[in-house]
Amino acid sequence: MREDLVSVIVPAHNAASTIEATLASVLAQTHAALEVVVIDDGSTDGTGVRVVAMARQDPRIRYVYQSNAGVAAARNAGIAISSGAYIAPMDADDIWHPTKIEKQLALLTAAGLEVGVVYCYTRLIDKADQVVETLPPGQRTGDVFTTLLLSNFIRSASIPLIRRRELEAVGGYDRSLRERGAQGCEDLKLYLMLAERCRFELCPEYLVGYRVSRSGMSANAVLMQRSWLMVMEEVKARHPEIPVWLFNWAAGNFHRWLGFNTLSYGQVGTGLTLLARSAVEDPATLRPGMLATLVEILTARLAQRLGVKPVLSRCADRLRGRIRRPLAHFGDMDPACLDGGLPEAWENHRQAVAKAVHCTPPADGADGISPTAPSRSVRTRRKRSA
């Protein structure tokens, strides 16, 4: 196994419209020691033709077709036939900044074996790779299990760089979520399992472009909600010592995000129902910034129906302290420019409170945890000595 080889795993299902841009951004990495494994998960739209054509031009691409089995099974299949010491998951519609792997790998190799994951920041992009929103940065590093439980700050499958030994120790992605009718939170479950074993590090730059698409998994509110609830029930079973209020905060965060996401796709009834649930689970949801966002989305949807320009969005922006900028291409923006604003003070406070929650080690072989995983007592000792 080459110690500098990074295996990029790309599951693809009917991704013909985006796969070429995705692979071009991977092949353009300044760290050239890559193998790119594309698992075609039953595509019927010509995805394979495009990948094979690119593979003829660059032998680092390996194309494999399988019958449709879901994103987790596709990722696991790619990992199984790859050989790199590091795994870089990549969705078939996202893009990377050319220096992503180089910068993350430098941090991961310098950090020591206690660090198993390096993540970075992301910008939301449209179908033309234009940035539509820059998400606020955070600073969550080290022992992140309870802060990750509070909210999935990694955000996207295309963001982390993971040590293979850690990924294999937790058994990879959980394909049973799809089999149980709950596909959607495989990434979050994996991150939580990794956080029970190792420490996380941050490369504080915007190195990933996350493409906003109606066909994305996050657009399916029913599946995402079922998947998240299932993952949380498994965490509760492993960690009965975690207080109920932390799970309530986590539920409020998740349903708020899913509610706004659903509203943005035009599913007004479902979105409002999810936001109402969020407010019940965590009344802090009803903050001026969140209400302003709700006003903006609803007025935008109404204006779209009426065929007029929304006039209340500027008011909503001022309430949130947000500055709108003209659209710019993802590749033209400086990844080190932290222009996504700052997290709200209440969010920083909650992250600190969550990080202070003590977790006992789960029993070896508990659900979702590999019997080879080191005891969480190692993690908690490091936390107390920090």
Protein backbone atom coordinates (compact mmCIF):
# COMPACT_ATOMS: atom_id res chain seq x y z
CA MET A 1 0.00 0.00 0.00
CA ARG A 2 1.48 3.34 -1.07
CA GLU A 3 1.53 5.69 1.88
CA ASP A 4 0.96 8.77 -0.30
CA LEU A 5 -1.80 7.27 -2.44
CA VAL A 6 -5.28 8.73 -1.96
CA SER A 7 -8.24 6.68 -3.15
CA VAL A 8 -11.09 8.88 -4.39
CA ILE A 9 -14.37 6.96 -4.24
CA VAL A 10 -17.15 8.27 -6.49
CA PRO A 11 -20.56 6.55 -6.41
CA ALA A 12 -22.61 7.62 -9.44
CA HIS A 13 -26.25 7.05 -10.28
CA ASN A 14 -27.61 8.83 -13.37
CA ALA A 15 -24.98 11.56 -13.03
CA ALA A 16 -24.29 12.14 -16.72
CA SER A 17 -24.88 15.89 -16.45
CA THR A 18 -22.30 16.44 -13.70
CA ILE A 19 -19.82 13.54 -13.61
CA GLU A 20 -17.37 15.10 -16.09
CA ALA A 21 -17.05 18.33 -14.09
CA THR A 22 -16.67 16.31 -10.90
CA LEU A 23 -13.92 14.08 -12.27
CA ALA A 24 -12.16 17.03 -13.92
CA SER A 25 -11.88 18.71 -10.51
CA VAL A 26 -10.48 15.49 -9.03
CA LEU A 27 -7.93 14.97 -11.79
CA ALA A 28 -6.81 18.60 -11.43
CA GLN A 29 -5.60 18.04 -7.85
CA THR A 30 -2.11 19.27 -7.10
CA HIS A 31 -1.54 16.01 -5.22
CA ALA A 32 -1.22 13.71 -8.21
CA ALA A 33 -0.91 10.37 -6.38
CA LEU A 34 -4.56 9.45 -6.79
CA GLU A 35 -6.64 6.51 -7.85
CA VAL A 36 -10.19 7.43 -8.80
CA VAL A 37 -12.71 4.61 -8.41
CA VAL A 38 -16.10 5.34 -9.99
CA ILE A 39 -18.85 2.90 -9.01
CA ASP A 40 -21.73 3.25 -11.46
CA ASP A 41 -24.72 2.28 -9.32
CA GLY A 42 -27.09 1.17 -12.05
CA SER A 43 -27.13 4.32 -14.18
CA THR A 44 -29.29 4.43 -17.30
CA ASP A 45 -28.42 7.90 -18.63
CA GLY A 46 -24.98 7.49 -20.18
CA THR A 47 -22.93 8.12 -17.04
CA GLY A 48 -20.72 5.14 -17.85
CA VAL A 49 -19.98 6.32 -21.39
CA ARG A 50 -18.67 9.63 -20.07
CA VAL A 51 -16.55 8.03 -17.35
CA VAL A 52 -15.02 5.46 -19.71
CA ALA A 53 -14.12 8.22 -22.16
CA MET A 54 -12.31 10.14 -19.42
CA ALA A 55 -10.59 6.93 -18.22
CA ARG A 56 -9.06 6.50 -21.67
CA GLN A 57 -7.39 9.88 -21.20
CA ASP A 58 -6.27 9.34 -17.59
CA PRO A 59 -5.40 5.83 -16.32
CA ARG A 60 -5.97 6.88 -12.71
CA ILE A 61 -9.72 6.44 -13.30
CA ARG A 62 -11.19 3.02 -12.73
CA TYR A 63 -14.80 2.41 -13.77
CA VAL A 64 -16.97 -0.35 -12.29
CA TYR A 65 -20.65 -0.96 -13.02
CA GLN A 66 -23.01 -2.62 -10.53
CA SER A 67 -26.75 -3.11 -10.28
CA ASN A 68 -28.40 -0.39 -8.24
CA ALA A 69 -27.72 -1.07 -4.56
CA GLY A 70 -27.63 2.41 -3.02
CA VAL A 71 -24.95 4.95 -2.24
CA ALA A 72 -23.56 3.17 0.85
CA ALA A 73 -23.10 -0.12 -1.00
CA ALA A 74 -21.48 1.73 -3.90
CA ARG A 75 -19.03 3.53 -1.61
CA ASN A 76 -18.14 0.30 0.17
CA ALA A 77 -17.59 -1.46 -3.15
CA GLY A 78 -15.21 1.27 -4.23
CA ILE A 79 -13.30 1.21 -0.96
CA ALA A 80 -12.97 -2.59 -1.15
CA ILE A 81 -11.17 -2.52 -4.51
CA SER A 82 -9.06 0.57 -3.80
CA SER A 83 -5.54 0.50 -2.39
CA GLY A 84 -4.76 3.96 -1.01
CA ALA A 85 -3.82 4.61 2.61
CA TYR A 86 -6.34 7.46 2.61
CA ILE A 87 -9.94 7.57 1.42
CA ALA A 88 -11.54 10.67 -0.09
CA PRO A 89 -15.28 10.18 -0.71
CA MET A 90 -16.70 12.27 -3.54
CA ASP A 91 -20.28 12.75 -4.69
CA ALA A 92 -20.82 12.62 -8.45
CA ASP A 93 -22.13 16.18 -8.66
CA ASP A 94 -19.71 18.12 -6.41
CA ILE A 95 -16.38 19.75 -7.27
CA TRP A 96 -13.08 20.32 -5.45
CA HIS A 97 -10.59 23.16 -5.35
CA PRO A 98 -7.31 21.94 -6.92
CA THR A 99 -5.44 22.06 -3.58
CA LYS A 100 -8.00 20.15 -1.48
CA ILE A 101 -6.25 16.81 -1.19
CA GLU A 102 -2.77 18.31 -0.88
CA LYS A 103 -3.77 20.54 2.04
CA GLN A 104 -5.84 17.94 3.86
CA LEU A 105 -3.19 15.25 3.44
CA ALA A 106 -0.48 17.53 4.80
CA LEU A 107 -2.55 18.11 7.95
CA LEU A 108 -3.44 14.45 8.36
CA THR A 109 0.11 13.15 8.01
CA ALA A 110 1.51 15.81 10.35
CA ALA A 111 -1.14 15.30 13.02
CA GLY A 112 -0.22 11.77 14.05
CA LEU A 113 -2.27 8.59 14.20
CA GLU A 114 -4.71 9.95 16.79
CA VAL A 115 -6.26 12.07 14.01
CA GLY A 116 -8.25 9.99 11.56
CA VAL A 117 -10.30 12.61 9.70
CA VAL A 118 -9.56 16.04 8.21
CA TYR A 119 -12.46 18.13 6.98
CA CYS A 120 -12.78 21.58 5.40
CA TYR A 121 -15.39 24.23 4.55
CA THR A 122 -17.85 24.25 1.65
CA ARG A 123 -19.64 26.65 -0.66
CA LEU A 124 -23.01 25.90 -2.26
CA ILE A 125 -22.94 26.01 -6.06
CA ASP A 126 -25.52 25.85 -8.85
CA LYS A 127 -25.51 23.85 -12.06
CA ALA A 128 -23.06 26.32 -13.65
CA ASP A 129 -20.58 26.08 -10.73
CA GLN A 130 -21.59 29.57 -9.59
CA VAL A 131 -21.45 30.07 -5.83
CA VAL A 132 -24.94 30.71 -4.43
CA GLU A 133 -24.00 30.69 -0.74
CA THR A 134 -20.93 30.42 1.44
CA LEU A 135 -21.65 28.57 4.66
CA PRO A 136 -20.33 30.00 7.95
CA PRO A 137 -17.06 28.44 9.12
CA GLY A 138 -16.61 26.60 12.40
CA GLN A 139 -13.69 25.47 14.53
CA ARG A 140 -14.60 21.98 15.80
CA THR A 141 -11.54 19.81 16.22
CA GLY A 142 -10.18 17.06 18.43
CA ASP A 143 -12.78 15.00 20.27
CA VAL A 144 -15.92 15.97 18.34
CA PHE A 145 -18.39 13.16 19.06
CA THR A 146 -20.93 15.18 21.05
CA THR A 147 -20.56 18.32 18.91
CA LEU A 148 -21.08 16.18 15.80
CA LEU A 149 -24.13 14.69 17.48
CA LEU A 150 -25.48 18.22 17.99
CA SER A 151 -25.12 19.07 14.30
CA ASN A 152 -23.41 17.54 11.28
CA PHE A 153 -20.81 20.25 10.79
CA ILE A 154 -19.03 18.24 8.09
CA ARG A 155 -22.14 18.79 5.95
CA SER A 156 -21.22 16.83 2.82
CA ALA A 157 -19.83 13.42 1.82
CA SER A 158 -17.31 15.13 -0.48
CA ILE A 159 -15.54 16.97 2.34
CA PRO A 160 -13.52 14.61 4.58
CA LEU A 161 -10.21 12.87 3.99
CA ILE A 162 -10.14 9.69 6.10
CA ARG A 163 -7.44 7.24 7.12
CA ARG A 164 -8.24 3.85 5.59
CA ARG A 165 -7.42 2.02 8.85
CA GLU A 166 -10.08 4.01 10.71
CA LEU A 167 -12.69 3.58 8.00
CA GLU A 168 -12.13 -0.16 7.81
CA ALA A 169 -12.21 -0.48 11.62
CA VAL A 170 -15.81 0.81 11.77
CA GLY A 171 -16.94 -1.33 8.85
CA GLY A 172 -17.45 1.41 6.26
CA TYR A 173 -20.83 2.87 5.37
CA ASP A 174 -24.01 1.23 6.70
CA ARG A 175 -25.88 -0.16 3.69
CA SER A 176 -28.63 -1.50 5.98
CA LEU A 177 -30.18 1.98 6.27
CA ARG A 178 -31.36 1.70 2.68
CA GLU A 179 -32.53 -1.86 3.24
CA ARG A 180 -34.60 -0.55 6.18
CA GLY A 181 -36.14 2.19 4.05
CA ALA A 182 -34.02 4.93 5.64
CA GLN A 183 -31.36 5.98 3.15
CA GLY A 184 -29.87 9.43 3.61
CA CYS A 185 -27.79 9.69 6.80
CA GLU A 186 -25.12 7.09 6.00
CA ASP A 187 -22.49 9.82 6.07
CA LEU A 188 -23.53 11.14 9.48
CA LYS A 189 -23.56 7.63 10.95
CA LEU A 190 -20.05 7.00 9.61
CA TYR A 191 -18.74 10.28 11.04
CA LEU A 192 -20.21 9.50 14.46
CA MET A 193 -18.63 6.05 14.43
CA LEU A 194 -15.28 7.53 13.45
CA ALA A 195 -15.58 10.18 16.17
CA GLU A 196 -15.89 7.38 18.72
CA ARG A 197 -12.46 6.13 17.63
CA CYS A 198 -10.32 9.07 16.61
CA ARG A 199 -9.86 12.82 16.61
CA PHE A 200 -10.86 15.20 13.83
CA GLU A 201 -8.79 18.04 12.37
CA LEU A 202 -9.83 21.05 10.28
CA CYS A 203 -8.33 22.59 7.16
CA PRO A 204 -9.92 26.07 7.47
CA GLU A 205 -10.48 26.76 3.78
CA TYR A 206 -13.40 26.51 1.35
CA LEU A 207 -12.19 23.58 -0.73
CA VAL A 208 -15.48 21.91 -1.75
CA GLY A 209 -18.29 23.06 -4.00
CA TYR A 210 -21.53 21.35 -2.95
CA ARG A 211 -24.02 21.35 -5.81
CA VAL A 212 -27.60 22.22 -4.89
CA SER A 213 -29.94 19.89 -6.77
CA ARG A 214 -33.57 18.88 -6.52
CA SER A 215 -32.57 15.29 -7.23
CA GLY A 216 -30.20 15.14 -4.25
CA MET A 217 -30.89 12.86 -1.31
CA SER A 218 -31.34 15.84 1.02
CA ALA A 219 -34.38 16.85 -1.07
CA ASN A 220 -36.27 13.75 0.08
CA ALA A 221 -37.52 14.88 3.48
CA VAL A 222 -39.28 11.65 4.41
CA LEU A 223 -36.26 9.43 3.81
CA MET A 224 -33.85 11.87 5.45
CA GLN A 225 -36.01 12.21 8.57
CA ARG A 226 -36.46 8.46 8.92
CA SER A 227 -32.75 7.90 8.42
CA TRP A 228 -31.72 10.54 10.98
CA LEU A 229 -34.13 9.23 13.61
CA MET A 230 -32.81 5.70 13.10
CA VAL A 231 -29.20 6.83 13.53
CA MET A 232 -30.10 8.75 16.70
CA GLU A 233 -31.85 5.72 18.19
CA GLU A 234 -28.69 3.70 17.67
CA VAL A 235 -26.62 6.39 19.38
CA LYS A 236 -29.03 6.45 22.33
CA ALA A 237 -28.70 2.69 22.67
CA ARG A 238 -24.91 2.91 22.74
CA HIS A 239 -24.79 5.97 24.99
CA PRO A 240 -27.66 6.02 27.51
CA GLU A 241 -25.60 8.46 29.59
CA ILE A 242 -26.05 11.28 27.06
CA PRO A 243 -28.67 13.72 28.44
CA VAL A 244 -32.04 14.05 26.73
CA TRP A 245 -31.61 17.79 26.21
CA LEU A 246 -28.66 17.19 23.88
CA PHE A 247 -30.78 14.94 21.69
CA ASN A 248 -33.54 17.59 21.76
CA TRP A 249 -31.08 20.23 20.63
CA ALA A 250 -29.85 17.89 17.90
CA ALA A 251 -33.42 17.18 16.77
CA GLY A 252 -34.20 20.89 16.66
CA ASN A 253 -31.09 21.54 14.56
CA PHE A 254 -31.83 18.70 12.16
CA HIS A 255 -35.52 19.48 11.64
CA ARG A 256 -34.76 23.18 11.20
CA TRP A 257 -32.20 22.39 8.50
CA LEU A 258 -34.48 19.85 6.82
CA GLY A 259 -37.45 22.23 7.04
CA PHE A 260 -35.64 25.10 5.33
CA ASN A 261 -34.14 22.72 2.79
CA THR A 262 -37.60 21.34 1.98
CA LEU A 263 -39.07 24.84 1.70
CA SER A 264 -36.35 25.84 -0.74
CA TYR A 265 -37.48 22.99 -3.02
CA GLY A 266 -41.04 24.29 -2.96
CA GLN A 267 -42.55 21.77 -0.54
CA VAL A 268 -44.17 24.42 1.64
CA GLY A 269 -46.50 22.23 3.72
CA THR A 270 -43.83 19.68 4.60
CA GLY A 271 -41.26 22.39 5.27
CA LEU A 272 -43.51 24.32 7.67
CA THR A 273 -44.41 21.10 9.49
CA LEU A 274 -40.73 20.30 10.00
CA LEU A 275 -40.01 23.82 11.25
CA ALA A 276 -42.91 23.59 13.70
CA ARG A 277 -41.49 20.33 15.00
CA SER A 278 -38.09 21.98 15.36
CA ALA A 279 -39.61 24.79 17.43
CA VAL A 280 -41.25 22.27 19.76
CA GLU A 281 -38.07 20.26 20.19
CA ASP A 282 -35.93 23.36 20.68
CA PRO A 283 -37.68 26.74 21.19
CA ALA A 284 -34.39 28.54 20.48
CA THR A 285 -35.20 27.85 16.83
CA LEU A 286 -37.45 30.93 16.96
CA ARG A 287 -34.62 33.45 16.65
CA PRO A 288 -34.78 36.61 14.51
CA GLY A 289 -32.30 35.22 12.00
CA MET A 290 -34.28 32.03 11.51
CA LEU A 291 -37.58 33.89 11.23
CA ALA A 292 -35.99 36.22 8.68
CA THR A 293 -34.87 33.24 6.62
CA LEU A 294 -38.40 31.84 6.74
CA VAL A 295 -39.83 35.18 5.58
CA GLU A 296 -37.36 35.33 2.71
CA ILE A 297 -38.06 31.81 1.46
CA LEU A 298 -41.84 32.18 1.64
CA THR A 299 -41.85 35.57 -0.07
CA ALA A 300 -39.51 34.25 -2.76
CA ARG A 301 -41.85 31.33 -3.42
CA LEU A 302 -44.84 33.68 -3.57
CA ALA A 303 -43.02 36.09 -5.86
CA GLN A 304 -42.06 33.22 -8.14
CA ARG A 305 -45.71 32.22 -8.46
CA LEU A 306 -46.76 35.80 -9.13
CA GLY A 307 -43.92 36.42 -11.54
CA VAL A 308 -42.52 39.41 -9.63
CA LYS A 309 -39.20 40.15 -7.90
CA PRO A 310 -39.21 39.47 -4.13
CA VAL A 311 -38.89 42.74 -2.22
CA LEU A 312 -38.53 41.42 1.33
CA SER A 313 -35.28 39.49 0.90
CA ARG A 314 -33.11 42.54 1.62
CA CYS A 315 -34.95 43.07 4.88
CA ALA A 316 -34.39 39.43 5.77
CA ASP A 317 -30.70 39.75 4.92
CA ARG A 318 -30.33 42.74 7.25
CA LEU A 319 -31.99 40.84 10.10
CA ARG A 320 -29.51 38.00 9.63
CA GLY A 321 -26.51 40.28 9.17
CA ARG A 322 -25.95 38.66 5.78
CA ILE A 323 -24.39 40.43 2.81
CA ARG A 324 -25.38 39.38 -0.69
CA ARG A 325 -22.63 39.31 -3.28
CA PRO A 326 -22.81 38.89 -7.05
CA LEU A 327 -22.50 35.29 -8.20
CA ALA A 328 -18.92 34.15 -8.76
CA HIS A 329 -17.51 30.95 -10.18
CA PHE A 330 -16.29 28.52 -7.51
CA GLY A 331 -12.88 28.21 -9.16
CA ASP A 332 -12.36 31.98 -9.15
CA MET A 333 -12.86 32.40 -5.41
CA ASP A 334 -10.00 32.36 -2.91
CA PRO A 335 -10.55 29.27 -0.71
CA ALA A 336 -8.74 30.96 2.19
CA CYS A 337 -11.16 33.91 2.18
CA LEU A 338 -13.52 33.23 5.08
CA ASP A 339 -16.42 35.23 3.66
CA GLY A 340 -19.23 33.06 4.99
CA GLY A 341 -19.83 35.22 8.06
CA LEU A 342 -19.48 34.02 11.63
CA PRO A 343 -21.54 31.48 13.56
CA GLU A 344 -24.00 33.07 15.96
CA ALA A 345 -22.90 33.44 19.58
CA TRP A 346 -25.63 31.09 20.80
CA GLU A 347 -24.38 28.39 18.41
CA ASN A 348 -20.81 28.71 19.69
CA HIS A 349 -22.11 28.50 23.26
CA ARG A 350 -24.10 25.35 22.53
CA GLN A 351 -21.13 23.73 20.84
CA ALA A 352 -19.06 24.38 23.96
CA VAL A 353 -21.80 22.94 26.20
CA ALA A 354 -22.12 19.85 23.98
CA LYS A 355 -18.37 19.29 23.94
CA ALA A 356 -18.35 19.18 27.76
CA VAL A 357 -20.79 16.26 27.84
CA HIS A 358 -19.03 13.12 29.05
CA CYS A 359 -19.55 9.87 27.14
CA THR A 360 -18.67 6.44 28.46
CA PRO A 361 -17.02 3.91 26.15
CA PRO A 362 -19.50 1.71 24.28
CA ALA A 363 -19.08 -2.01 24.81
CA ASP A 364 -16.79 -3.69 22.28
CA GLY A 365 -18.85 -5.06 19.42
CA ALA A 366 -21.84 -2.81 20.19
CA ASP A 367 -24.14 -1.97 17.30
CA GLY A 368 -22.26 -0.02 14.66
CA ILE A 369 -18.88 -0.23 16.41
CA SER A 370 -16.16 -2.59 15.35
CA PRO A 371 -14.82 -4.99 18.00
CA THR A 372 -11.34 -3.78 17.03
CA ALA A 373 -12.12 -0.16 17.95
CA PRO A 374 -10.08 1.23 20.86
CA SER A 375 -11.90 1.98 24.10
CA ARG A 376 -13.62 5.35 24.34
CA SER A 377 -11.88 5.67 27.72
CA VAL A 378 -8.80 6.59 25.69
CA ARG A 379 -10.77 9.39 24.07
CA THR A 380 -12.15 10.70 27.34
CA ARG A 381 -8.74 10.68 29.01
CA ARG A 382 -7.39 12.81 26.20
CA LYS A 383 -10.34 15.14 26.63
CA ARG A 384 -9.73 15.64 30.34
CA SER A 385 -6.02 16.26 29.82
CA ALA A 386 -6.61 18.79 27.03
